[in-house]
Amino acid sequence: MNRQIGRASSADRVSGRYCLRVLIGVIGDYAPGNRTHATLNDSLGHAGASWEWVATDQVPPAFDLERRYSGLWIAPASPYRSMSGALSAISTARERGLPLVGT
C-alpha cells in the first residue's frame, strides 16, 4: 500500500476496537503540492494525531479498515483515482460505526 504516514506513537497495543494509539486513515490520493492536503497534514500534526494516507485505489477490505483505524477522514480534492474506493471506505464507516469526517 502506498501511504503517507504522519506522526507515529510508540504505544501500539490494540485490544479489540479500543486501542491506546489512535490512528486516523485519511482516504484520498495524496499530492504533496495540493494545498488542502498539506493543510490537513499540518492540522493533524498540530492536534498531535497519528495518521496514514490511503490511496483511493488501494483501500483495504472493510475488516482491515475497522481493525487498523480508529476513524476515517475522507480527504478533499476530488476527483479521486477510485471513486468506488472512497465510497467503500465511507460505507464501511457508516455500517460499522467507525468515526468518519468528510471535507
Protein backbone atom coordinates (compact mmCIF):
# COMPACT_ATOMS: atom_id res chain seq x y z
CA MET A 1 0.00 0.00 0.00
CA ASN A 2 1.35 3.44 -0.92
CA ARG A 3 0.73 5.64 2.13
CA GLN A 4 1.94 8.94 3.51
CA ILE A 5 2.40 8.43 7.24
CA GLY A 6 2.07 11.13 9.87
CA ARG A 7 3.33 11.18 13.43
CA ALA A 8 3.67 7.69 14.88
CA SER A 9 3.19 6.74 18.50
CA SER A 10 5.17 4.13 20.43
CA ALA A 11 2.00 2.89 22.19
CA ASP A 12 0.79 0.39 19.64
CA ARG A 13 -1.18 -2.17 21.68
CA VAL A 14 -4.62 -2.92 20.32
CA SER A 15 -7.40 -4.53 22.32
CA GLY A 16 -10.46 -5.18 20.16
CA ARG A 17 -11.94 -1.93 18.86
CA TYR A 18 -10.36 0.19 21.58
CA CYS A 19 -6.68 0.97 21.35
CA LEU A 20 -4.07 3.04 23.15
CA ARG A 21 -2.94 4.54 19.86
CA VAL A 22 -5.41 6.50 17.78
CA LEU A 23 -4.63 6.16 14.08
CA ILE A 24 -6.67 8.06 11.51
CA GLY A 25 -6.94 6.67 7.99
CA VAL A 26 -7.03 9.59 5.55
CA ILE A 27 -8.72 8.30 2.41
CA GLY A 28 -7.56 10.26 -0.62
CA ASP A 29 -4.95 10.48 -3.31
CA TYR A 30 -2.16 12.41 -1.59
CA ALA A 31 -0.46 15.08 -3.66
CA PRO A 32 2.38 16.99 -1.95
CA GLY A 33 1.66 20.12 -3.99
CA ASN A 34 -2.03 20.17 -3.06
CA ARG A 35 -2.57 22.95 -0.55
CA THR A 36 -5.56 21.29 1.14
CA HIS A 37 -3.57 18.08 1.64
CA ALA A 38 -0.65 19.97 3.16
CA THR A 39 -3.03 21.90 5.41
CA LEU A 40 -4.73 18.67 6.53
CA ASN A 41 -1.33 17.19 7.43
CA ASP A 42 -0.42 20.36 9.34
CA SER A 43 -3.73 20.33 11.21
CA LEU A 44 -3.49 16.69 12.22
CA GLY A 45 0.11 17.17 13.30
CA HIS A 46 -0.80 20.25 15.32
CA ALA A 47 -3.52 18.21 17.07
CA GLY A 48 -0.95 15.54 17.95
CA ALA A 49 -2.73 12.92 15.84
CA SER A 50 -1.25 9.93 14.05
CA TRP A 51 -2.50 9.33 10.52
CA GLU A 52 -1.87 7.50 7.29
CA TRP A 53 -2.91 8.49 3.80
CA VAL A 54 -4.59 5.61 1.98
CA ALA A 55 -4.93 5.99 -1.79
CA THR A 56 -8.48 5.52 -3.04
CA ASP A 57 -7.38 2.78 -5.41
CA GLN A 58 -5.76 0.90 -2.50
CA VAL A 59 -8.50 1.00 0.15
CA PRO A 60 -8.33 -2.31 2.05
CA PRO A 61 -11.36 -4.50 2.81
CA ALA A 62 -13.84 -3.36 5.47
CA PHE A 63 -12.46 -5.71 8.14
CA ASP A 64 -8.94 -4.31 7.72
CA LEU A 65 -10.14 -0.69 7.80
CA GLU A 66 -12.05 -1.32 11.01
CA ARG A 67 -9.18 -3.23 12.61
CA ARG A 68 -6.42 -0.76 11.70
CA TYR A 69 -8.00 2.68 12.05
CA SER A 70 -9.73 4.44 14.94
CA GLY A 71 -11.55 6.64 12.42
CA LEU A 72 -11.50 7.72 8.78
CA TRP A 73 -11.11 11.13 7.19
CA ILE A 74 -12.25 11.49 3.59
CA ALA A 75 -9.77 13.94 2.11
CA PRO A 76 -10.69 16.89 -0.09
CA ALA A 77 -9.60 17.32 -3.71
CA SER A 78 -11.63 15.02 -5.87
CA PRO A 79 -11.88 13.58 -8.44
CA TYR A 80 -10.41 10.52 -6.82
CA ARG A 81 -8.49 7.88 -8.74
CA SER A 82 -11.11 5.42 -7.49
CA MET A 83 -14.49 6.82 -6.52
CA SER A 84 -15.58 3.26 -5.65
CA GLY A 85 -12.66 3.00 -3.19
CA ALA A 86 -13.67 6.26 -1.48
CA LEU A 87 -17.33 5.18 -1.34
CA SER A 88 -16.31 1.78 0.02
CA ALA A 89 -14.46 3.45 2.91
CA ILE A 90 -17.47 5.69 3.62
CA SER A 91 -19.83 2.69 3.59
CA THR A 92 -17.55 0.76 5.93
CA ALA A 93 -17.52 3.62 8.42
CA ARG A 94 -21.28 4.11 8.31
CA GLU A 95 -22.16 0.41 8.51
CA ARG A 96 -19.65 -0.44 11.24
CA GLY A 97 -19.87 2.66 13.42
CA LEU A 98 -16.34 3.87 12.65
CA PRO A 99 -15.98 7.64 13.19
CA LEU A 100 -15.95 9.45 9.86
CA VAL A 101 -15.11 13.01 8.77
CA GLY A 102 -15.54 14.25 5.23
CA THR A 103 -14.15 17.53 3.92
